[in-house]
């Protein structure tokens, strides 16, 4: 996750990534049935189901750049978002 990010699991099992520098929370479309998540580098792993004595694991690699400039470039490449006049956030035509 890098030094500025941590993975978190909410009370309902929803997996999130927290940006420690800004306090921003990115809620993923993922839940864990065990309440636990393991993070290594940009990879998260957590159980999505338990069937008998076996767990079904989700192995999720986060490929989002961490630096502000790199993140802005990445967002421009994958969306049609345009920066507003003030330079904060983004807008869509």
PDB file of N, CA and C in Angstrom:
ATOM      1  N   UNK A   1       0.813  -1.184   0.000  1.00  0.00           N
ATOM      2  CA  UNK A   1       0.000   0.000   0.000  1.00  0.00           C
ATOM      3  C   UNK A   1       0.864   1.258   0.000  1.00  0.00           C
ATOM      4  N   UNK A   2       2.092   1.157   0.328  1.00  0.00           N
ATOM      5  CA  UNK A   2       2.921   2.342   0.454  1.00  0.00           C
ATOM      6  C   UNK A   2       2.760   2.933   1.839  1.00  0.00           C
ATOM      7  N   UNK A   3       3.676   3.802   2.186  1.00  0.00           N
ATOM      8  CA  UNK A   3       3.693   4.360   3.540  1.00  0.00           C
ATOM      9  C   UNK A   3       2.531   5.293   3.813  1.00  0.00           C
ATOM     10  N   UNK A   4       1.890   5.835   2.766  1.00  0.00           N
ATOM     11  CA  UNK A   4       0.826   6.817   2.962  1.00  0.00           C
ATOM     12  C   UNK A   4      -0.581   6.227   2.906  1.00  0.00           C
ATOM     13  N   UNK A   5      -0.700   4.907   2.764  1.00  0.00           N
ATOM     14  CA  UNK A   5      -2.000   4.277   2.606  1.00  0.00           C
ATOM     15  C   UNK A   5      -2.130   3.076   3.531  1.00  0.00           C
ATOM     16  N   UNK A   6      -3.349   2.829   4.010  1.00  0.00           N
ATOM     17  CA  UNK A   6      -3.630   1.616   4.777  1.00  0.00           C
ATOM     18  C   UNK A   6      -4.942   1.034   4.284  1.00  0.00           C
ATOM     19  N   UNK A   7      -5.081  -0.276   4.430  1.00  0.00           N
ATOM     20  CA  UNK A   7      -6.335  -0.948   4.114  1.00  0.00           C
ATOM     21  C   UNK A   7      -7.139  -1.052   5.397  1.00  0.00           C
ATOM     22  N   UNK A   8      -8.457  -0.986   5.258  1.00  0.00           N
ATOM     23  CA  UNK A   8      -9.348  -1.008   6.413  1.00  0.00           C
ATOM     24  C   UNK A   8     -10.581  -1.826   6.078  1.00  0.00           C
ATOM     25  N   UNK A   9     -11.191  -2.400   7.112  1.00  0.00           N
ATOM     26  CA  UNK A   9     -12.450  -3.118   6.953  1.00  0.00           C
ATOM     27  C   UNK A   9     -13.457  -2.497   7.911  1.00  0.00           C
ATOM     28  N   UNK A  10     -14.601  -2.080   7.363  1.00  0.00           N
ATOM     29  CA  UNK A  10     -15.660  -1.487   8.174  1.00  0.00           C
ATOM     30  C   UNK A  10     -16.485  -2.554   8.883  1.00  0.00           C
ATOM     31  N   UNK A  11     -17.402  -2.132   9.744  1.00  0.00           N
ATOM     32  CA  UNK A  11     -18.218  -3.072  10.523  1.00  0.00           C
ATOM     33  C   UNK A  11     -19.042  -4.037   9.675  1.00  0.00           C
ATOM     34  N   UNK A  12     -19.411  -3.626   8.466  1.00  0.00           N
ATOM     35  CA  UNK A  12     -20.199  -4.505   7.598  1.00  0.00           C
ATOM     36  C   UNK A  12     -19.323  -5.316   6.649  1.00  0.00           C
ATOM     37  N   UNK A  13     -17.987  -5.241   6.825  1.00  0.00           N
ATOM     38  CA  UNK A  13     -17.068  -6.019   6.002  1.00  0.00           C
ATOM     39  C   UNK A  13     -16.596  -5.323   4.745  1.00  0.00           C
ATOM     40  N   UNK A  14     -16.997  -4.073   4.539  1.00  0.00           N
ATOM     41  CA  UNK A  14     -16.593  -3.338   3.341  1.00  0.00           C
ATOM     42  C   UNK A  14     -15.107  -2.971   3.437  1.00  0.00           C
ATOM     43  N   UNK A  15     -14.367  -3.239   2.377  1.00  0.00           N
ATOM     44  CA  UNK A  15     -12.935  -2.975   2.332  1.00  0.00           C
ATOM     45  C   UNK A  15     -12.708  -1.565   1.783  1.00  0.00           C
ATOM     46  N   UNK A  16     -11.841  -0.807   2.454  1.00  0.00           N
ATOM     47  CA  UNK A  16     -11.523   0.559   2.046  1.00  0.00           C
ATOM     48  C   UNK A  16     -10.015   0.767   2.082  1.00  0.00           C
ATOM     49  N   UNK A  17      -9.579   1.795   1.372  1.00  0.00           N
ATOM     50  CA  UNK A  17      -8.191   2.242   1.422  1.00  0.00           C
ATOM     51  C   UNK A  17      -8.215   3.663   1.953  1.00  0.00           C
ATOM     52  N   UNK A  18      -7.369   3.939   2.940  1.00  0.00           N
ATOM     53  CA  UNK A  18      -7.317   5.252   3.569  1.00  0.00           C
ATOM     54  C   UNK A  18      -6.003   5.926   3.201  1.00  0.00           C
ATOM     55  N   UNK A  19      -6.104   7.156   2.702  1.00  0.00           N
ATOM     56  CA  UNK A  19      -4.940   7.980   2.405  1.00  0.00           C
ATOM     57  C   UNK A  19      -4.579   8.712   3.696  1.00  0.00           C
ATOM     58  N   UNK A  20      -3.485   8.338   4.321  1.00  0.00           N
ATOM     59  CA  UNK A  20      -3.109   8.914   5.608  1.00  0.00           C
ATOM     60  C   UNK A  20      -2.724  10.381   5.518  1.00  0.00           C
ATOM     61  N   UNK A  21      -2.252  10.806   4.366  1.00  0.00           N
ATOM     62  CA  UNK A  21      -1.840  12.201   4.213  1.00  0.00           C
ATOM     63  C   UNK A  21      -3.044  13.140   4.134  1.00  0.00           C
ATOM     64  N   UNK A  22      -4.067  12.739   3.383  1.00  0.00           N
ATOM     65  CA  UNK A  22      -5.225  13.621   3.187  1.00  0.00           C
ATOM     66  C   UNK A  22      -6.424  13.243   4.043  1.00  0.00           C
ATOM     67  N   UNK A  23      -6.433  12.010   4.554  1.00  0.00           N
ATOM     68  CA  UNK A  23      -7.593  11.525   5.290  1.00  0.00           C
ATOM     69  C   UNK A  23      -8.695  11.011   4.382  1.00  0.00           C
ATOM     70  N   UNK A  24      -8.443  11.011   3.085  1.00  0.00           N
ATOM     71  CA  UNK A  24      -9.437  10.527   2.132  1.00  0.00           C
ATOM     72  C   UNK A  24      -9.630   9.031   2.245  1.00  0.00           C
ATOM     73  N   UNK A  25     -10.851   8.587   2.025  1.00  0.00           N
ATOM     74  CA  UNK A  25     -11.188   7.168   2.089  1.00  0.00           C
ATOM     75  C   UNK A  25     -11.748   6.738   0.741  1.00  0.00           C
ATOM     76  N   UNK A  26     -11.194   5.679   0.198  1.00  0.00           N
ATOM     77  CA  UNK A  26     -11.676   5.104  -1.051  1.00  0.00           C
ATOM     78  C   UNK A  26     -12.338   3.777  -0.694  1.00  0.00           C
ATOM     79  N   UNK A  27     -13.645   3.728  -0.832  1.00  0.00           N
ATOM     80  CA  UNK A  27     -14.387   2.516  -0.521  1.00  0.00           C
ATOM     81  C   UNK A  27     -14.423   1.644  -1.768  1.00  0.00           C
ATOM     82  N   UNK A  28     -13.961   0.412  -1.630  1.00  0.00           N
ATOM     83  CA  UNK A  28     -13.922  -0.506  -2.761  1.00  0.00           C
ATOM     84  C   UNK A  28     -15.251  -1.251  -2.866  1.00  0.00           C
ATOM     85  N   UNK A  29     -15.526  -1.759  -4.027  1.00  0.00           N
ATOM     86  CA  UNK A  29     -16.718  -2.597  -4.216  1.00  0.00           C
ATOM     87  C   UNK A  29     -16.373  -4.023  -3.827  1.00  0.00           C
ATOM     88  N   UNK A  30     -16.000  -4.182  -2.591  1.00  0.00           N
ATOM     89  CA  UNK A  30     -15.564  -5.492  -2.119  1.00  0.00           C
ATOM     90  C   UNK A  30     -15.894  -5.622  -0.636  1.00  0.00           C
ATOM     91  N   UNK A  31     -16.275  -6.816  -0.238  1.00  0.00           N
ATOM     92  CA  UNK A  31     -16.514  -7.085   1.179  1.00  0.00           C
ATOM     93  C   UNK A  31     -15.802  -8.373   1.565  1.00  0.00           C
ATOM     94  N   UNK A  32     -15.449  -8.442   2.824  1.00  0.00           N
ATOM     95  CA  UNK A  32     -14.834  -9.641   3.358  1.00  0.00           C
ATOM     96  C   UNK A  32     -15.779 -10.266   4.377  1.00  0.00           C
ATOM     97  N   UNK A  33     -15.849 -11.570   4.385  1.00  0.00           N
ATOM     98  CA  UNK A  33     -16.745 -12.262   5.317  1.00  0.00           C
ATOM     99  C   UNK A  33     -16.066 -12.551   6.648  1.00  0.00           C
ATOM    100  N   UNK A  34     -14.755 -12.346   6.720  1.00  0.00           N
ATOM    101  CA  UNK A  34     -14.039 -12.656   7.954  1.00  0.00           C
ATOM    102  C   UNK A  34     -13.650 -11.411   8.740  1.00  0.00           C
ATOM    103  N   UNK A  35     -13.806 -10.231   8.140  1.00  0.00           N
ATOM    104  CA  UNK A  35     -13.419  -8.996   8.819  1.00  0.00           C
ATOM    105  C   UNK A  35     -11.940  -8.699   8.742  1.00  0.00           C
ATOM    106  N   UNK A  36     -11.197  -9.464   7.968  1.00  0.00           N
ATOM    107  CA  UNK A  36      -9.756  -9.247   7.865  1.00  0.00           C
ATOM    108  C   UNK A  36      -9.323  -8.978   6.442  1.00  0.00           C
ATOM    109  N   UNK A  37      -8.235  -8.250   6.313  1.00  0.00           N
ATOM    110  CA  UNK A  37      -7.633  -7.975   5.012  1.00  0.00           C
ATOM    111  C   UNK A  37      -6.116  -7.959   5.200  1.00  0.00           C
ATOM    112  N   UNK A  38      -5.399  -8.485   4.217  1.00  0.00           N
ATOM    113  CA  UNK A  38      -3.947  -8.494   4.238  1.00  0.00           C
ATOM    114  C   UNK A  38      -3.484  -7.616   3.081  1.00  0.00           C
ATOM    115  N   UNK A  39      -2.539  -6.726   3.352  1.00  0.00           N
ATOM    116  CA  UNK A  39      -2.007  -5.837   2.326  1.00  0.00           C
ATOM    117  C   UNK A  39      -0.510  -6.041   2.199  1.00  0.00           C
ATOM    118  N   UNK A  40      -0.046  -6.096   0.949  1.00  0.00           N
ATOM    119  CA  UNK A  40       1.380  -6.191   0.669  1.00  0.00           C
ATOM    120  C   UNK A  40       1.637  -5.422  -0.613  1.00  0.00           C
ATOM    121  N   UNK A  41       2.433  -4.371  -0.528  1.00  0.00           N
ATOM    122  CA  UNK A  41       2.639  -3.526  -1.699  1.00  0.00           C
ATOM    123  C   UNK A  41       1.310  -2.927  -2.123  1.00  0.00           C
ATOM    124  N   UNK A  42       0.954  -3.078  -3.381  1.00  0.00           N
ATOM    125  CA  UNK A  42      -0.326  -2.582  -3.892  1.00  0.00           C
ATOM    126  C   UNK A  42      -1.348  -3.699  -4.031  1.00  0.00           C
ATOM    127  N   UNK A  43      -1.177  -4.777  -3.292  1.00  0.00           N
ATOM    128  CA  UNK A  43      -2.060  -5.934  -3.393  1.00  0.00           C
ATOM    129  C   UNK A  43      -2.813  -6.139  -2.079  1.00  0.00           C
ATOM    130  N   UNK A  44      -4.108  -6.401  -2.207  1.00  0.00           N
ATOM    131  CA  UNK A  44      -4.947  -6.735  -1.054  1.00  0.00           C
ATOM    132  C   UNK A  44      -5.468  -8.150  -1.227  1.00  0.00           C
ATOM    133  N   UNK A  45      -5.607  -8.870  -0.125  1.00  0.00           N
ATOM    134  CA  UNK A  45      -6.190 -10.202  -0.164  1.00  0.00           C
ATOM    135  C   UNK A  45      -7.144 -10.336   1.011  1.00  0.00           C
ATOM    136  N   UNK A  46      -8.335 -10.892   0.731  1.00  0.00           N
ATOM    137  CA  UNK A  46      -9.344 -11.055   1.775  1.00  0.00           C
ATOM    138  C   UNK A  46     -10.319 -12.143   1.350  1.00  0.00           C
ATOM    139  N   UNK A  47     -10.992 -12.728   2.330  1.00  0.00           N
ATOM    140  CA  UNK A  47     -11.951 -13.804   2.072  1.00  0.00           C
ATOM    141  C   UNK A  47     -13.301 -13.218   1.694  1.00  0.00           C
ATOM    142  N   UNK A  48     -13.874 -13.707   0.584  1.00  0.00           N
ATOM    143  CA  UNK A  48     -15.177 -13.241   0.134  1.00  0.00           C
ATOM    144  C   UNK A  48     -16.287 -14.254   0.419  1.00  0.00           C
ATOM    145  N   UNK A  49     -15.901 -15.470   0.743  1.00  0.00           N
ATOM    146  CA  UNK A  49     -16.895 -16.506   1.059  1.00  0.00           C
ATOM    147  C   UNK A  49     -16.200 -17.639   1.799  1.00  0.00           C
ATOM    148  N   UNK A  50     -16.979 -18.346   2.583  1.00  0.00           N
ATOM    149  CA  UNK A  50     -16.485 -19.551   3.241  1.00  0.00           C
ATOM    150  C   UNK A  50     -17.420 -20.676   2.826  1.00  0.00           C
ATOM    151  N   UNK A  51     -16.835 -21.715   2.226  1.00  0.00           N
ATOM    152  CA  UNK A  51     -17.596 -22.864   1.756  1.00  0.00           C
ATOM    153  C   UNK A  51     -17.032 -24.089   2.449  1.00  0.00           C
ATOM    154  N   UNK A  52     -17.786 -24.625   3.398  1.00  0.00           N
ATOM    155  CA  UNK A  52     -17.288 -25.756   4.177  1.00  0.00           C
ATOM    156  C   UNK A  52     -16.080 -25.333   4.985  1.00  0.00           C
ATOM    157  N   UNK A  53     -14.971 -26.004   4.772  1.00  0.00           N
ATOM    158  CA  UNK A  53     -13.726 -25.681   5.479  1.00  0.00           C
ATOM    159  C   UNK A  53     -12.789 -24.818   4.632  1.00  0.00           C
ATOM    160  N   UNK A  54     -13.297 -24.301   3.512  1.00  0.00           N
ATOM    161  CA  UNK A  54     -12.450 -23.530   2.605  1.00  0.00           C
ATOM    162  C   UNK A  54     -12.929 -22.090   2.496  1.00  0.00           C
ATOM    163  N   UNK A  55     -11.972 -21.195   2.302  1.00  0.00           N
ATOM    164  CA  UNK A  55     -12.286 -19.782   2.076  1.00  0.00           C
ATOM    165  C   UNK A  55     -12.044 -19.444   0.616  1.00  0.00           C
ATOM    166  N   UNK A  56     -12.922 -18.655   0.052  1.00  0.00           N
ATOM    167  CA  UNK A  56     -12.712 -18.122  -1.286  1.00  0.00           C
ATOM    168  C   UNK A  56     -12.024 -16.778  -1.101  1.00  0.00           C
ATOM    169  N   UNK A  57     -10.841 -16.628  -1.698  1.00  0.00           N
ATOM    170  CA  UNK A  57     -10.043 -15.419  -1.509  1.00  0.00           C
ATOM    171  C   UNK A  57     -10.111 -14.511  -2.718  1.00  0.00           C
ATOM    172  N   UNK A  58     -10.176 -13.225  -2.452  1.00  0.00           N
ATOM    173  CA  UNK A  58     -10.065 -12.199  -3.488  1.00  0.00           C
ATOM    174  C   UNK A  58      -8.641 -11.663  -3.435  1.00  0.00           C
ATOM    175  N   UNK A  59      -7.973 -11.649  -4.566  1.00  0.00           N
ATOM    176  CA  UNK A  59      -6.615 -11.128  -4.690  1.00  0.00           C
ATOM    177  C   UNK A  59      -6.708  -9.904  -5.589  1.00  0.00           C
ATOM    178  N   UNK A  60      -6.633  -8.733  -4.990  1.00  0.00           N
ATOM    179  CA  UNK A  60      -6.900  -7.491  -5.700  1.00  0.00           C
ATOM    180  C   UNK A  60      -5.634  -6.654  -5.766  1.00  0.00           C
ATOM    181  N   UNK A  61      -5.203  -6.331  -6.994  1.00  0.00           N
ATOM    182  CA  UNK A  61      -4.037  -5.466  -7.169  1.00  0.00           C
ATOM    183  C   UNK A  61      -4.523  -4.061  -7.506  1.00  0.00           C
ATOM    184  N   UNK A  62      -4.088  -3.090  -6.723  1.00  0.00           N
ATOM    185  CA  UNK A  62      -4.457  -1.696  -6.941  1.00  0.00           C
ATOM    186  C   UNK A  62      -3.403  -1.056  -7.829  1.00  0.00           C
ATOM    187  N   UNK A  63      -3.790  -0.672  -9.006  1.00  0.00           N
ATOM    188  CA  UNK A  63      -2.822  -0.146  -9.980  1.00  0.00           C
ATOM    189  C   UNK A  63      -2.930   1.363 -10.127  1.00  0.00           C
ATOM    190  N   UNK A  64      -3.360   2.032  -9.106  1.00  0.00           N
ATOM    191  CA  UNK A  64      -3.526   3.482  -9.153  1.00  0.00           C
ATOM    192  C   UNK A  64      -2.235   4.143  -8.688  1.00  0.00           C
ATOM    193  N   UNK A  65      -1.717   5.121  -9.442  1.00  0.00           N
ATOM    194  CA  UNK A  65      -0.501   5.820  -9.019  1.00  0.00           C
ATOM    195  C   UNK A  65      -0.714   6.570  -7.700  1.00  0.00           C
ATOM    196  N   UNK A  66       0.321   6.680  -6.905  1.00  0.00           N
ATOM    197  CA  UNK A  66       0.217   7.339  -5.597  1.00  0.00           C
ATOM    198  C   UNK A  66       0.552   8.818  -5.639  1.00  0.00           C
ATOM    199  N   UNK A  67       1.451   9.245  -6.493  1.00  0.00           N
ATOM    200  CA  UNK A  67       1.835  10.654  -6.554  1.00  0.00           C
ATOM    201  C   UNK A  67       0.735  11.497  -7.188  1.00  0.00           C
ATOM    202  N   UNK A  68       0.603  12.752  -6.741  1.00  0.00           N
ATOM    203  CA  UNK A  68      -0.474  13.622  -7.215  1.00  0.00           C
ATOM    204  C   UNK A  68      -0.427  13.831  -8.728  1.00  0.00           C
ATOM    205  N   UNK A  69       0.730  14.157  -9.277  1.00  0.00           N
ATOM    206  CA  UNK A  69       0.839  14.404 -10.718  1.00  0.00           C
ATOM    207  C   UNK A  69       0.573  13.131 -11.511  1.00  0.00           C
ATOM    208  N   UNK A  70       1.131  12.015 -11.064  1.00  0.00           N
ATOM    209  CA  UNK A  70       0.916  10.744 -11.753  1.00  0.00           C
ATOM    210  C   UNK A  70      -0.547  10.330 -11.685  1.00  0.00           C
ATOM    211  N   UNK A  71      -1.194  10.578 -10.545  1.00  0.00           N
ATOM    212  CA  UNK A  71      -2.611  10.246 -10.402  1.00  0.00           C
ATOM    213  C   UNK A  71      -3.454  11.083 -11.353  1.00  0.00           C
ATOM    214  N   UNK A  72      -3.159  12.370 -11.476  1.00  0.00           N
ATOM    215  CA  UNK A  72      -3.900  13.228 -12.402  1.00  0.00           C
ATOM    216  C   UNK A  72      -3.733  12.772 -13.846  1.00  0.00           C
ATOM    217  N   UNK A  73      -2.508  12.415 -14.227  1.00  0.00           N
ATOM    218  CA  UNK A  73      -2.279  11.896 -15.580  1.00  0.00           C
ATOM    219  C   UNK A  73      -3.073  10.619 -15.809  1.00  0.00           C
ATOM    220  N   UNK A  74      -3.037   9.708 -14.831  1.00  0.00           N
ATOM    221  CA  UNK A  74      -3.750   8.432 -14.938  1.00  0.00           C
ATOM    222  C   UNK A  74      -5.245   8.666 -15.090  1.00  0.00           C
ATOM    223  N   UNK A  75      -5.805   9.560 -14.296  1.00  0.00           N
ATOM    224  CA  UNK A  75      -7.237   9.858 -14.383  1.00  0.00           C
ATOM    225  C   UNK A  75      -7.600  10.439 -15.749  1.00  0.00           C
ATOM    226  N   UNK A  76      -6.754  11.316 -16.285  1.00  0.00           N
ATOM    227  CA  UNK A  76      -7.019  11.867 -17.615  1.00  0.00           C
ATOM    228  C   UNK A  76      -7.018  10.784 -18.682  1.00  0.00           C
ATOM    229  N   UNK A  77      -6.120   9.802 -18.519  1.00  0.00           N
ATOM    230  CA  UNK A  77      -6.014   8.740 -19.507  1.00  0.00           C
ATOM    231  C   UNK A  77      -7.196   7.777 -19.482  1.00  0.00           C
ATOM    232  N   UNK A  78      -7.760   7.515 -18.302  1.00  0.00           N
ATOM    233  CA  UNK A  78      -8.830   6.517 -18.222  1.00  0.00           C
ATOM    234  C   UNK A  78     -10.221   7.129 -18.266  1.00  0.00           C
ATOM    235  N   UNK A  79     -10.335   8.434 -18.148  1.00  0.00           N
ATOM    236  CA  UNK A  79     -11.644   9.093 -18.198  1.00  0.00           C
ATOM    237  C   UNK A  79     -11.557  10.273 -19.147  1.00  0.00           C
ATOM    238  N   UNK A  80     -12.663  10.940 -19.308  1.00  0.00           N
ATOM    239  CA  UNK A  80     -12.651  12.180 -20.063  1.00  0.00           C
ATOM    240  C   UNK A  80     -12.738  13.368 -19.115  1.00  0.00           C
ATOM    241  N   UNK A  81     -12.288  13.189 -17.885  1.00  0.00           N
ATOM    242  CA  UNK A  81     -12.349  14.252 -16.879  1.00  0.00           C
ATOM    243  C   UNK A  81     -11.461  15.419 -17.280  1.00  0.00           C
ATOM    244  N   UNK A  82     -11.937  16.613 -17.009  1.00  0.00           N
ATOM    245  CA  UNK A  82     -11.189  17.829 -17.287  1.00  0.00           C
ATOM    246  C   UNK A  82     -10.971  18.585 -15.979  1.00  0.00           C
ATOM    247  N   UNK A  83      -9.765  19.119 -15.740  1.00  0.00           N
ATOM    248  CA  UNK A  83      -9.544  19.894 -14.522  1.00  0.00           C
ATOM    249  C   UNK A  83     -10.332  21.199 -14.573  1.00  0.00           C
ATOM    250  N   UNK A  84     -10.933  21.619 -13.460  1.00  0.00           N
ATOM    251  CA  UNK A  84     -11.662  22.881 -13.440  1.00  0.00           C
ATOM    252  C   UNK A  84     -10.692  24.064 -13.441  1.00  0.00           C
ATOM    253  N   UNK A  85     -11.238  25.259 -13.620  1.00  0.00           N
ATOM    254  CA  UNK A  85     -10.403  26.463 -13.678  1.00  0.00           C
ATOM    255  C   UNK A  85      -9.567  26.660 -12.405  1.00  0.00           C
ATOM    256  N   UNK A  86     -10.115  26.292 -11.237  1.00  0.00           N
ATOM    257  CA  UNK A  86      -9.396  26.455  -9.984  1.00  0.00           C
ATOM    258  C   UNK A  86      -8.309  25.432  -9.759  1.00  0.00           C
ATOM    259  N   UNK A  87      -8.273  24.361 -10.566  1.00  0.00           N
ATOM    260  CA  UNK A  87      -7.232  23.354 -10.444  1.00  0.00           C
ATOM    261  C   UNK A  87      -7.493  22.293  -9.394  1.00  0.00           C
ATOM    262  N   UNK A  88      -8.620  22.339  -8.692  1.00  0.00           N
ATOM    263  CA  UNK A  88      -8.924  21.332  -7.669  1.00  0.00           C
ATOM    264  C   UNK A  88     -10.058  20.445  -8.166  1.00  0.00           C
ATOM    265  N   UNK A  89      -9.904  19.139  -7.989  1.00  0.00           N
ATOM    266  CA  UNK A  89     -10.964  18.201  -8.378  1.00  0.00           C
ATOM    267  C   UNK A  89     -10.966  17.946  -9.873  1.00  0.00           C
ATOM    268  N   UNK A  90     -12.137  17.620 -10.394  1.00  0.00           N
ATOM    269  CA  UNK A  90     -12.269  17.347 -11.810  1.00  0.00           C
ATOM    270  C   UNK A  90     -13.720  17.442 -12.212  1.00  0.00           C
ATOM    271  N   UNK A  91     -13.947  17.617 -13.482  1.00  0.00           N
ATOM    272  CA  UNK A  91     -15.302  17.704 -14.000  1.00  0.00           C
ATOM    273  C   UNK A  91     -15.411  16.925 -15.283  1.00  0.00           C
ATOM    274  N   UNK A  92     -16.633  16.593 -15.656  1.00  0.00           N
ATOM    275  CA  UNK A  92     -16.867  15.834 -16.869  1.00  0.00           C
ATOM    276  C   UNK A  92     -17.718  16.655 -17.821  1.00  0.00           C
ATOM    277  N   UNK A  93     -17.322  16.673 -19.093  1.00  0.00           N
ATOM    278  CA  UNK A  93     -18.085  17.444 -20.084  1.00  0.00           C
ATOM    279  C   UNK A  93     -19.469  16.863 -20.317  1.00  0.00           C
TER     280      UNK A  93
END
